[in-house]
Amino acid sequence: EYLGRVDFQVKVRGFRIELGEVESALRQQESVKEAVVVAKGEGAEKRLVAYVAPKAGATLEAEALKASLRQRLPEYMVPGAV
């Protein structure tokens, strides 16, 4: 009986991605309090989606977060939506 993976690794467009690594990179941003990343969709339509909560008094801009992630992570690990 196959129960699935016991870790949080997903495969998106042929790349194996550890969701915790992307979440950690998001949490290291100055204005981010909490972050969760999930894989949405099936097959070729699967993509990463990040849910982010700001620190008190901070504002978040999705494009700024993605640009910052691109400096730290390979392009295939940057969420398509924040």
C-alpha atoms as a PDB file:
ATOM      1  CA  GLU A   1       0.000   0.000   0.000  1.00  0.00           C
ATOM      2  CA  TYR A   2       1.473   3.322  -1.104  1.00  0.00           C
ATOM      3  CA  LEU A   3       0.943   6.155   1.363  1.00  0.00           C
ATOM      4  CA  GLY A   4       2.903   8.922  -0.389  1.00  0.00           C
ATOM      5  CA  ARG A   5       5.949  10.895   0.694  1.00  0.00           C
ATOM      6  CA  VAL A   6       6.645  11.586   4.353  1.00  0.00           C
ATOM      7  CA  ASP A   7       8.617  14.757   3.603  1.00  0.00           C
ATOM      8  CA  PHE A   8       7.545  17.984   1.929  1.00  0.00           C
ATOM      9  CA  GLN A   9       9.321  17.517  -1.378  1.00  0.00           C
ATOM     10  CA  VAL A  10       7.302  18.074  -4.540  1.00  0.00           C
ATOM     11  CA  LYS A  11       8.041  17.752  -8.221  1.00  0.00           C
ATOM     12  CA  VAL A  12       7.179  20.761 -10.391  1.00  0.00           C
ATOM     13  CA  ARG A  13       8.025  20.836 -14.117  1.00  0.00           C
ATOM     14  CA  GLY A  14      10.527  18.014 -13.602  1.00  0.00           C
ATOM     15  CA  PHE A  15      12.366  19.678 -10.695  1.00  0.00           C
ATOM     16  CA  ARG A  16      12.330  18.300  -7.163  1.00  0.00           C
ATOM     17  CA  ILE A  17      11.649  21.131  -4.731  1.00  0.00           C
ATOM     18  CA  GLU A  18      11.811  21.096  -0.940  1.00  0.00           C
ATOM     19  CA  LEU A  19       8.952  23.399   0.121  1.00  0.00           C
ATOM     20  CA  GLY A  20      10.617  24.168   3.460  1.00  0.00           C
ATOM     21  CA  GLU A  21      13.617  25.651   1.668  1.00  0.00           C
ATOM     22  CA  VAL A  22      11.409  28.137  -0.200  1.00  0.00           C
ATOM     23  CA  GLU A  23       9.491  28.953   3.001  1.00  0.00           C
ATOM     24  CA  SER A  24      12.751  29.569   4.855  1.00  0.00           C
ATOM     25  CA  ALA A  25      13.961  31.964   2.143  1.00  0.00           C
ATOM     26  CA  LEU A  26      10.667  33.873   2.383  1.00  0.00           C
ATOM     27  CA  ARG A  27      10.841  34.099   6.188  1.00  0.00           C
ATOM     28  CA  GLN A  28      14.313  35.634   5.929  1.00  0.00           C
ATOM     29  CA  GLN A  29      12.788  38.677   4.227  1.00  0.00           C
ATOM     30  CA  GLU A  30      12.635  41.650   6.576  1.00  0.00           C
ATOM     31  CA  SER A  31       8.875  42.263   6.294  1.00  0.00           C
ATOM     32  CA  VAL A  32       7.727  38.608   6.391  1.00  0.00           C
ATOM     33  CA  LYS A  33       6.405  37.143   9.628  1.00  0.00           C
ATOM     34  CA  GLU A  34       5.223  33.759   8.344  1.00  0.00           C
ATOM     35  CA  ALA A  35       5.186  31.909   5.017  1.00  0.00           C
ATOM     36  CA  VAL A  36       3.741  28.675   3.655  1.00  0.00           C
ATOM     37  CA  VAL A  37       4.413  27.311   0.171  1.00  0.00           C
ATOM     38  CA  VAL A  38       2.268  24.673  -1.551  1.00  0.00           C
ATOM     39  CA  ALA A  39       2.151  23.060  -4.967  1.00  0.00           C
ATOM     40  CA  LYS A  40      -1.170  23.671  -6.743  1.00  0.00           C
ATOM     41  CA  GLY A  41      -2.478  21.970  -9.871  1.00  0.00           C
ATOM     42  CA  GLU A  42      -1.791  18.660 -11.563  1.00  0.00           C
ATOM     43  CA  GLY A  43       0.755  17.472 -14.091  1.00  0.00           C
ATOM     44  CA  ALA A  44       2.141  20.167 -16.386  1.00  0.00           C
ATOM     45  CA  GLU A  45      -0.133  22.759 -14.721  1.00  0.00           C
ATOM     46  CA  LYS A  46       1.466  22.300 -11.270  1.00  0.00           C
ATOM     47  CA  ARG A  47       3.040  25.462  -9.828  1.00  0.00           C
ATOM     48  CA  LEU A  48       4.253  26.838  -6.527  1.00  0.00           C
ATOM     49  CA  VAL A  49       2.026  29.213  -4.585  1.00  0.00           C
ATOM     50  CA  ALA A  50       3.251  31.120  -1.512  1.00  0.00           C
ATOM     51  CA  TYR A  51       1.012  32.412   1.265  1.00  0.00           C
ATOM     52  CA  VAL A  52       2.759  35.153   3.236  1.00  0.00           C
ATOM     53  CA  ALA A  53       1.815  37.122   6.374  1.00  0.00           C
ATOM     54  CA  PRO A  54       3.542  40.479   7.032  1.00  0.00           C
ATOM     55  CA  LYS A  55       5.092  41.583  10.289  1.00  0.00           C
ATOM     56  CA  ALA A  56       3.087  44.171  12.239  1.00  0.00           C
ATOM     57  CA  GLY A  57       3.155  47.502  10.446  1.00  0.00           C
ATOM     58  CA  ALA A  58       4.871  46.097   7.357  1.00  0.00           C
ATOM     59  CA  THR A  59       3.516  45.895   3.838  1.00  0.00           C
ATOM     60  CA  LEU A  60       4.307  43.208   1.312  1.00  0.00           C
ATOM     61  CA  GLU A  61       4.669  43.476  -2.442  1.00  0.00           C
ATOM     62  CA  ALA A  62       4.508  40.185  -4.321  1.00  0.00           C
ATOM     63  CA  GLU A  63       6.865  41.246  -7.119  1.00  0.00           C
ATOM     64  CA  ALA A  64       9.451  42.565  -4.650  1.00  0.00           C
ATOM     65  CA  LEU A  65       9.374  39.280  -2.732  1.00  0.00           C
ATOM     66  CA  LYS A  66       9.761  37.256  -5.936  1.00  0.00           C
ATOM     67  CA  ALA A  67      12.654  39.464  -7.101  1.00  0.00           C
ATOM     68  CA  SER A  68      14.409  38.947  -3.779  1.00  0.00           C
ATOM     69  CA  LEU A  69      13.869  35.185  -3.989  1.00  0.00           C
ATOM     70  CA  ARG A  70      15.352  35.113  -7.504  1.00  0.00           C
ATOM     71  CA  GLN A  71      18.629  36.388  -6.011  1.00  0.00           C
ATOM     72  CA  ARG A  72      18.716  33.493  -3.508  1.00  0.00           C
ATOM     73  CA  LEU A  73      17.027  30.570  -5.266  1.00  0.00           C
ATOM     74  CA  PRO A  74      17.000  29.020  -8.741  1.00  0.00           C
ATOM     75  CA  GLU A  75      14.159  30.298 -10.940  1.00  0.00           C
ATOM     76  CA  TYR A  76      12.246  26.995 -10.745  1.00  0.00           C
ATOM     77  CA  MET A  77      11.961  27.418  -6.943  1.00  0.00           C
ATOM     78  CA  VAL A  78      10.419  30.903  -7.085  1.00  0.00           C
ATOM     79  CA  PRO A  79       6.637  30.704  -6.517  1.00  0.00           C
ATOM     80  CA  GLY A  80       4.515  31.742  -9.475  1.00  0.00           C
ATOM     81  CA  ALA A  81       1.999  33.417  -7.168  1.00  0.00           C
ATOM     82  CA  VAL A  82       2.362  35.114  -3.795  1.00  0.00           C
END
